[in-house]
Amino acid sequence: MSRNRIDVHTHYMGGTVARMMKDVTLPGGFRVGLWTVDDALDFMDRRHIAAQILSFPMALAGMPQPGLAVRLARQINRELADVIKTKPDRFGAFACLPLDTAVDALKEIAYALDDLGLDGVVLPSNAQGEYLGEPFFEPILAELAHRRIPVFIHPENCPHIELLGFGRVASIVEFPLDTARNIVNAIYRGVFRRYPELTIILAHAGGALPSLGWRIAEHSQVGRAPQDADVDGGHIAEVLRDLYYETALGASRNSLLPALEVTGADHVLFGTDWPAAPLSAVDHNIDNLTGFDGFTAGELSSVERTNALRLFPRFA
C-alpha cells in the first residue's frame, strides 16, 4: 500500500501543550512531553499516512488567570504553524481558540487563518457549558461559515461530568453523548438554517449522533421537540447527511453502520486520535476499517484520502 492516508484527527502534544500537561500520561503509557515531529513522521510512515491535520482538543476557557486562554491559544497556534513549516506536505493544523469571549475567539480566527495560514479550526463540543446554538457561539459560527473552512468538533467533558460520569473515563460514554448533545442543540436552535455553509467534522464517527438520527427527526415531525427554528425531519436528515464523520476509535461496524445510515461514504474521513489513543487501539481501529465490508475498494480509498482532499486541497 502506498503512503496516502490523510489523518484528520491527531493531536499536537509538544511545546506549550507539553508544559501544560507535563504530568499527564495518556493511555498506553505515552507521556505528553515525548511528542516530536520525528515521532509523528515515524508514526505516519508505519501506517501509510501521508499527512496529519494536528489539533489541540481541550477547551481553552475558564482558565485560572485572566487572559491565559488568549496567550495559550496564540502560543499553540504559532507552534502549529512552525510544525507545518518543517514539513508542509506532511502536516496541517486546526487552530485552537480562546473561548472565554467571542471577541477573543474572533481575533484568534483572523490571526490563525490569515497570518499563520492554518487549515481550519477546532472547537470543543462545549466550552464551559456553552454549546453550539447558544448565543455565545453565534458570532463565531457566523465567521466560520463566512470563511467556509473545515471545523473539527472534538468532544469535551459535559459541565455535569461529576454527576453523570460515575468516575469513569469520559471517553467511554460521555464524549460520544456530548458530541450528539452539541449537534442536536445546534439543529433545534436553527444553526444549520442560518449557516448552511458550515463544514463540520465530527470526531469518532459522530459519537452517539448517527444512532439517534431517526429519533431526532421523528421528534421534530410530531412536534414533541421544543425548537427555535423551522426544523423538520427533512432538514435534520439533510444536516446529518452533510456532516463529516471521522473514524478514530469509530471504525467498527457498531459505529460505521449507523453513520452510513445518515450519510454516504463520501462524508467519512480517516482519523487515528494518536497519541491520545494508544498505538494498539490505533492499529486495531485501522484493521477494522480496512476489513469493513460496507465499503467498496473505491469508497475505502475515498475515506482514507480523497474525501479529505476536498476539504484540504493543498495535500493533493
Protein backbone atom coordinates (compact mmCIF):
# COMPACT_ATOMS: atom_id res chain seq x y z
CA MET A 1 0.00 0.00 0.00
CA SER A 2 1.33 3.44 -0.86
CA ARG A 3 1.58 6.17 1.74
CA ASN A 4 -1.63 8.02 1.00
CA ARG A 5 -3.91 8.34 4.05
CA ILE A 6 -4.84 11.75 5.46
CA ASP A 7 -5.37 11.69 9.23
CA VAL A 8 -7.80 14.44 10.27
CA HIS A 9 -7.86 13.51 13.97
CA THR A 10 -4.43 13.59 15.55
CA HIS A 11 -3.12 15.73 18.35
CA TYR A 12 -0.20 18.10 18.83
CA MET A 13 1.42 17.35 22.18
CA GLY A 14 4.67 19.32 22.04
CA GLY A 15 5.91 22.69 23.27
CA THR A 16 3.30 24.67 25.17
CA VAL A 17 0.96 21.67 25.36
CA ALA A 18 3.71 19.53 26.90
CA ARG A 19 4.37 22.21 29.51
CA MET A 20 0.65 22.50 30.29
CA MET A 21 0.28 18.73 30.63
CA LYS A 22 3.73 17.83 31.96
CA ASP A 23 2.38 15.30 34.48
CA VAL A 24 -0.14 13.65 32.13
CA THR A 25 0.34 10.09 30.91
CA LEU A 26 -2.00 9.08 28.08
CA PRO A 27 -3.50 5.59 27.62
CA GLY A 28 -0.79 3.14 26.63
CA GLY A 29 1.83 4.95 28.72
CA PHE A 30 2.63 7.76 26.26
CA ARG A 31 3.96 10.85 28.05
CA VAL A 32 2.70 14.10 26.53
CA GLY A 33 6.13 15.72 26.61
CA LEU A 34 7.60 12.98 24.42
CA TRP A 35 5.83 14.21 21.25
CA THR A 36 8.22 15.27 18.48
CA VAL A 37 7.93 15.91 14.77
CA ASP A 38 10.18 12.91 14.10
CA ASP A 39 7.98 10.64 16.21
CA ALA A 40 4.89 11.86 14.37
CA LEU A 41 6.55 11.21 11.00
CA ASP A 42 7.58 7.72 12.11
CA PHE A 43 4.01 7.04 13.30
CA MET A 44 2.68 8.15 9.91
CA ASP A 45 5.19 6.22 7.82
CA ARG A 46 4.46 2.99 9.65
CA ARG A 47 0.72 3.39 8.95
CA HIS A 48 0.79 4.62 5.35
CA ILE A 49 -0.30 8.13 6.37
CA ALA A 50 0.69 10.92 4.01
CA ALA A 51 -0.40 13.84 6.18
CA GLN A 52 -1.80 14.71 9.58
CA ILE A 53 -4.08 17.63 10.48
CA LEU A 54 -2.94 18.40 14.01
CA SER A 55 -5.17 19.81 16.74
CA PHE A 56 -5.18 20.64 20.43
CA PRO A 57 -8.53 19.27 21.58
CA MET A 58 -9.10 20.77 25.02
CA ALA A 59 -11.34 23.81 25.59
CA LEU A 60 -9.34 26.94 26.37
CA ALA A 61 -11.90 28.58 28.66
CA GLY A 62 -12.32 29.19 32.37
CA MET A 63 -8.54 29.33 32.94
CA PRO A 64 -7.23 30.32 36.39
CA GLN A 65 -5.67 33.59 35.21
CA PRO A 66 -7.29 36.40 33.18
CA GLY A 67 -6.03 36.39 29.60
CA LEU A 68 -4.33 32.99 29.95
CA ALA A 69 -6.57 31.31 27.38
CA VAL A 70 -5.72 34.02 24.84
CA ARG A 71 -1.99 33.62 25.42
CA LEU A 72 -2.09 29.83 25.28
CA ALA A 73 -4.11 29.75 22.05
CA ARG A 74 -1.69 32.19 20.41
CA GLN A 75 1.36 30.19 21.52
CA ILE A 76 -0.07 26.84 20.44
CA ASN A 77 -1.19 28.15 17.05
CA ARG A 78 2.24 29.64 16.39
CA GLU A 79 3.85 26.33 17.28
CA LEU A 80 1.46 24.52 14.94
CA ALA A 81 2.49 26.87 12.15
CA ASP A 82 6.15 26.13 12.92
CA VAL A 83 5.50 22.38 12.72
CA ILE A 84 3.87 22.85 9.32
CA LYS A 85 6.92 24.77 8.11
CA THR A 86 9.15 21.79 8.88
CA LYS A 87 7.14 19.51 6.55
CA PRO A 88 4.32 21.39 4.79
CA ASP A 89 3.45 18.32 2.72
CA ARG A 90 3.04 16.16 5.85
CA PHE A 91 1.39 18.45 8.41
CA GLY A 92 -1.65 20.68 8.60
CA ALA A 93 -3.41 22.10 11.65
CA PHE A 94 -6.74 23.14 13.09
CA ALA A 95 -6.36 26.40 15.02
CA CYS A 96 -7.43 26.34 18.67
CA LEU A 97 -9.38 29.29 20.04
CA PRO A 98 -9.65 31.06 23.40
CA LEU A 99 -13.29 30.67 24.38
CA ASP A 100 -13.87 32.96 27.34
CA THR A 101 -15.29 35.62 25.00
CA ALA A 102 -16.42 35.54 21.38
CA VAL A 103 -14.34 38.67 20.71
CA ASP A 104 -11.14 36.86 21.70
CA ALA A 105 -12.11 33.87 19.57
CA LEU A 106 -12.75 36.03 16.50
CA LYS A 107 -9.38 37.75 16.87
CA GLU A 108 -7.62 34.39 17.00
CA ILE A 109 -9.54 33.06 13.98
CA ALA A 110 -8.29 36.01 11.95
CA TYR A 111 -4.71 35.64 13.16
CA ALA A 112 -4.51 31.86 12.85
CA LEU A 113 -6.08 31.69 9.39
CA ASP A 114 -4.91 34.94 7.78
CA ASP A 115 -1.46 35.41 9.32
CA LEU A 116 -0.42 31.84 10.13
CA GLY A 117 -2.27 30.12 7.29
CA LEU A 118 -3.63 27.23 9.36
CA ASP A 119 -6.06 24.84 7.68
CA GLY A 120 -9.19 25.11 9.82
CA VAL A 121 -10.45 25.49 13.37
CA VAL A 122 -11.09 23.03 16.19
CA LEU A 123 -13.97 23.60 18.60
CA PRO A 124 -14.85 21.59 21.71
CA SER A 125 -18.30 20.02 21.96
CA ASN A 126 -18.91 22.57 24.70
CA ALA A 127 -16.97 25.41 26.28
CA GLN A 128 -17.77 25.78 29.96
CA GLY A 129 -21.29 24.57 29.25
CA GLU A 130 -21.81 26.70 26.13
CA TYR A 131 -22.96 24.55 23.20
CA LEU A 132 -23.35 25.31 19.51
CA GLY A 133 -26.67 27.07 19.10
CA GLU A 134 -26.27 29.18 22.24
CA PRO A 135 -25.79 32.94 21.79
CA PHE A 136 -22.13 32.73 22.84
CA PHE A 137 -21.18 30.81 19.68
CA GLU A 138 -23.30 32.83 17.24
CA PRO A 139 -20.64 35.32 16.03
CA ILE A 140 -18.02 32.57 15.93
CA LEU A 141 -20.17 30.31 13.76
CA ALA A 142 -21.09 33.23 11.51
CA GLU A 143 -17.41 33.90 10.86
CA LEU A 144 -16.54 30.25 10.30
CA ALA A 145 -19.45 29.86 7.87
CA HIS A 146 -18.38 33.01 6.03
CA ARG A 147 -14.87 31.63 5.65
CA ARG A 148 -16.11 28.17 4.58
CA ILE A 149 -13.23 26.44 6.31
CA PRO A 150 -13.29 22.98 7.97
CA VAL A 151 -14.35 22.98 11.62
CA PHE A 152 -13.37 19.93 13.67
CA ILE A 153 -15.63 19.29 16.66
CA HIS A 154 -13.81 17.39 19.39
CA PRO A 155 -15.66 16.04 22.43
CA GLU A 156 -15.24 17.69 25.83
CA ASN A 157 -16.44 16.82 29.30
CA CYS A 158 -20.01 17.98 29.79
CA PRO A 159 -20.49 20.52 32.61
CA HIS A 160 -22.12 17.86 34.80
CA ILE A 161 -19.44 15.20 34.37
CA GLU A 162 -19.01 14.74 38.13
CA LEU A 163 -22.64 13.65 38.38
CA LEU A 164 -23.03 11.79 35.08
CA GLY A 165 -19.61 10.21 34.67
CA PHE A 166 -19.67 7.88 37.70
CA GLY A 167 -15.93 8.34 37.93
CA ARG A 168 -15.39 6.51 34.64
CA VAL A 169 -13.16 7.71 31.82
CA ALA A 170 -15.24 10.28 29.93
CA SER A 171 -14.20 8.96 26.53
CA ILE A 172 -16.19 5.74 27.10
CA VAL A 173 -19.70 7.23 27.21
CA GLU A 174 -19.76 10.96 27.91
CA PHE A 175 -17.66 12.04 24.91
CA PRO A 176 -19.95 10.31 22.38
CA LEU A 177 -23.01 11.70 24.16
CA ASP A 178 -21.67 15.26 24.31
CA THR A 179 -20.98 15.18 20.58
CA ALA A 180 -24.63 14.25 19.99
CA ARG A 181 -25.91 16.76 22.57
CA ASN A 182 -23.99 19.56 20.87
CA ILE A 183 -25.24 18.90 17.34
CA VAL A 184 -28.84 18.25 18.42
CA ASN A 185 -28.92 21.61 20.19
CA ALA A 186 -27.43 23.29 17.11
CA ILE A 187 -30.07 21.71 14.87
CA TYR A 188 -33.01 22.67 17.07
CA ARG A 189 -31.61 26.20 17.53
CA GLY A 190 -31.51 26.64 13.76
CA VAL A 191 -27.74 26.88 13.36
CA PHE A 192 -27.76 24.99 10.06
CA ARG A 193 -30.66 27.06 8.74
CA ARG A 194 -28.68 30.23 9.38
CA TYR A 195 -25.28 28.88 8.33
CA PRO A 196 -25.64 26.18 5.67
CA GLU A 197 -22.06 26.92 4.58
CA LEU A 198 -20.62 25.39 7.78
CA THR A 199 -18.30 22.47 7.11
CA ILE A 200 -18.20 20.36 10.26
CA ILE A 201 -16.19 17.22 11.01
CA LEU A 202 -17.35 15.14 13.98
CA ALA A 203 -14.86 13.05 15.91
CA HIS A 204 -15.32 9.32 16.49
CA ALA A 205 -17.89 8.72 13.74
CA GLY A 206 -20.21 11.28 15.31
CA GLY A 207 -20.39 9.57 18.68
CA ALA A 208 -23.99 8.69 19.54
CA LEU A 209 -25.46 11.08 16.97
CA PRO A 210 -25.97 8.73 13.96
CA SER A 211 -27.73 6.13 16.09
CA LEU A 212 -30.15 8.83 17.26
CA GLY A 213 -30.72 10.31 13.79
CA TRP A 214 -34.17 8.80 13.16
CA ARG A 215 -35.29 9.56 16.72
CA ILE A 216 -34.23 13.21 16.44
CA ALA A 217 -36.05 13.64 13.14
CA GLU A 218 -39.17 11.81 14.35
CA HIS A 219 -39.49 14.04 17.40
CA SER A 220 -39.50 17.09 15.16
CA GLN A 221 -42.23 15.56 12.99
CA VAL A 222 -44.68 15.07 15.83
CA GLY A 223 -43.97 18.42 17.45
CA ARG A 224 -42.55 16.95 20.63
CA ALA A 225 -39.17 18.70 20.48
CA PRO A 226 -39.09 22.37 21.56
CA GLN A 227 -37.38 24.25 18.74
CA ASP A 228 -36.30 27.78 17.97
CA ALA A 229 -36.32 27.41 14.19
CA ASP A 230 -38.22 25.89 11.29
CA VAL A 231 -36.82 22.41 11.71
CA ASP A 232 -38.43 19.29 10.28
CA GLY A 233 -37.35 15.75 9.54
CA GLY A 234 -36.17 16.63 6.06
CA HIS A 235 -33.90 19.38 7.35
CA ILE A 236 -32.49 17.11 10.06
CA ALA A 237 -31.74 14.39 7.52
CA GLU A 238 -30.01 16.96 5.31
CA VAL A 239 -27.87 18.23 8.19
CA LEU A 240 -26.78 14.74 9.21
CA ARG A 241 -26.02 13.91 5.57
CA ASP A 242 -23.79 16.96 5.15
CA LEU A 243 -21.73 16.50 8.32
CA TYR A 244 -18.39 14.68 8.05
CA TYR A 245 -17.65 11.72 10.33
CA GLU A 246 -14.08 10.64 11.04
CA THR A 247 -13.11 7.11 12.00
CA ALA A 248 -10.81 7.44 15.06
CA LEU A 249 -11.98 4.84 17.60
CA GLY A 250 -15.07 4.53 15.42
CA ALA A 251 -14.16 2.15 12.62
CA SER A 252 -16.10 -0.84 13.91
CA ARG A 253 -19.43 -1.92 12.41
CA ASN A 254 -21.10 -0.63 15.58
CA SER A 255 -20.09 2.92 14.64
CA LEU A 256 -19.77 2.85 10.86
CA LEU A 257 -23.12 1.26 10.07
CA PRO A 258 -25.14 3.95 11.92
CA ALA A 259 -23.02 6.65 10.28
CA LEU A 260 -23.70 5.18 6.84
CA GLU A 261 -27.43 5.22 7.62
CA VAL A 262 -27.35 9.04 7.86
CA THR A 263 -24.62 9.89 5.33
CA GLY A 264 -22.63 8.34 2.49
CA ALA A 265 -19.10 7.03 2.22
CA ASP A 266 -18.19 10.39 0.64
CA HIS A 267 -18.58 12.06 4.06
CA VAL A 268 -16.43 9.66 6.09
CA LEU A 269 -12.83 10.63 6.86
CA PHE A 270 -9.80 8.76 8.20
CA GLY A 271 -8.60 9.54 11.74
CA THR A 272 -6.44 7.95 14.43
CA ASP A 273 -6.65 10.08 17.64
CA TRP A 274 -2.94 9.47 18.18
CA PRO A 275 -1.29 9.92 20.64
CA ALA A 276 -4.36 10.27 22.88
CA ALA A 277 -5.28 6.78 21.67
CA PRO A 278 -2.57 4.16 22.28
CA LEU A 279 -0.86 2.51 19.34
CA SER A 280 -2.63 -0.80 19.93
CA ALA A 281 -6.04 0.90 19.71
CA VAL A 282 -5.00 2.87 16.62
CA ASP A 283 -3.80 -0.25 14.81
CA HIS A 284 -6.85 -2.28 15.83
CA ASN A 285 -9.07 0.51 14.56
CA ILE A 286 -7.24 0.67 11.21
CA ASP A 287 -7.59 -3.10 10.85
CA ASN A 288 -11.33 -2.75 11.49
CA LEU A 289 -11.59 -0.02 8.87
CA THR A 290 -9.74 -1.91 6.15
CA GLY A 291 -11.70 -5.07 6.95
CA PHE A 292 -15.11 -3.38 6.99
CA ASP A 293 -17.35 -4.92 4.34
CA GLY A 294 -19.59 -1.88 3.99
CA PHE A 295 -17.16 -0.01 1.71
CA THR A 296 -16.19 -0.88 -1.83
CA ALA A 297 -12.47 -0.62 -2.60
CA GLY A 298 -13.11 2.76 -4.21
CA GLU A 299 -15.09 4.01 -1.23
CA LEU A 300 -12.36 2.92 1.19
CA SER A 301 -9.82 4.85 -0.86
CA SER A 302 -12.07 7.90 -0.67
CA VAL A 303 -12.41 7.53 3.11
CA GLU A 304 -8.67 7.23 3.56
CA ARG A 305 -7.72 10.11 1.26
CA THR A 306 -9.96 11.55 -1.43
CA ASN A 307 -12.73 12.87 0.81
CA ALA A 308 -10.19 14.79 2.87
CA LEU A 309 -8.68 16.34 -0.26
CA ARG A 310 -11.97 18.14 -0.90
CA LEU A 311 -11.51 19.87 2.47
CA PHE A 312 -7.73 20.21 2.40
CA PRO A 313 -6.81 20.50 -1.30
CA ARG A 314 -3.24 21.62 -0.65
CA PHE A 315 -2.36 17.99 0.14
CA ALA A 316 -3.35 16.80 -3.34
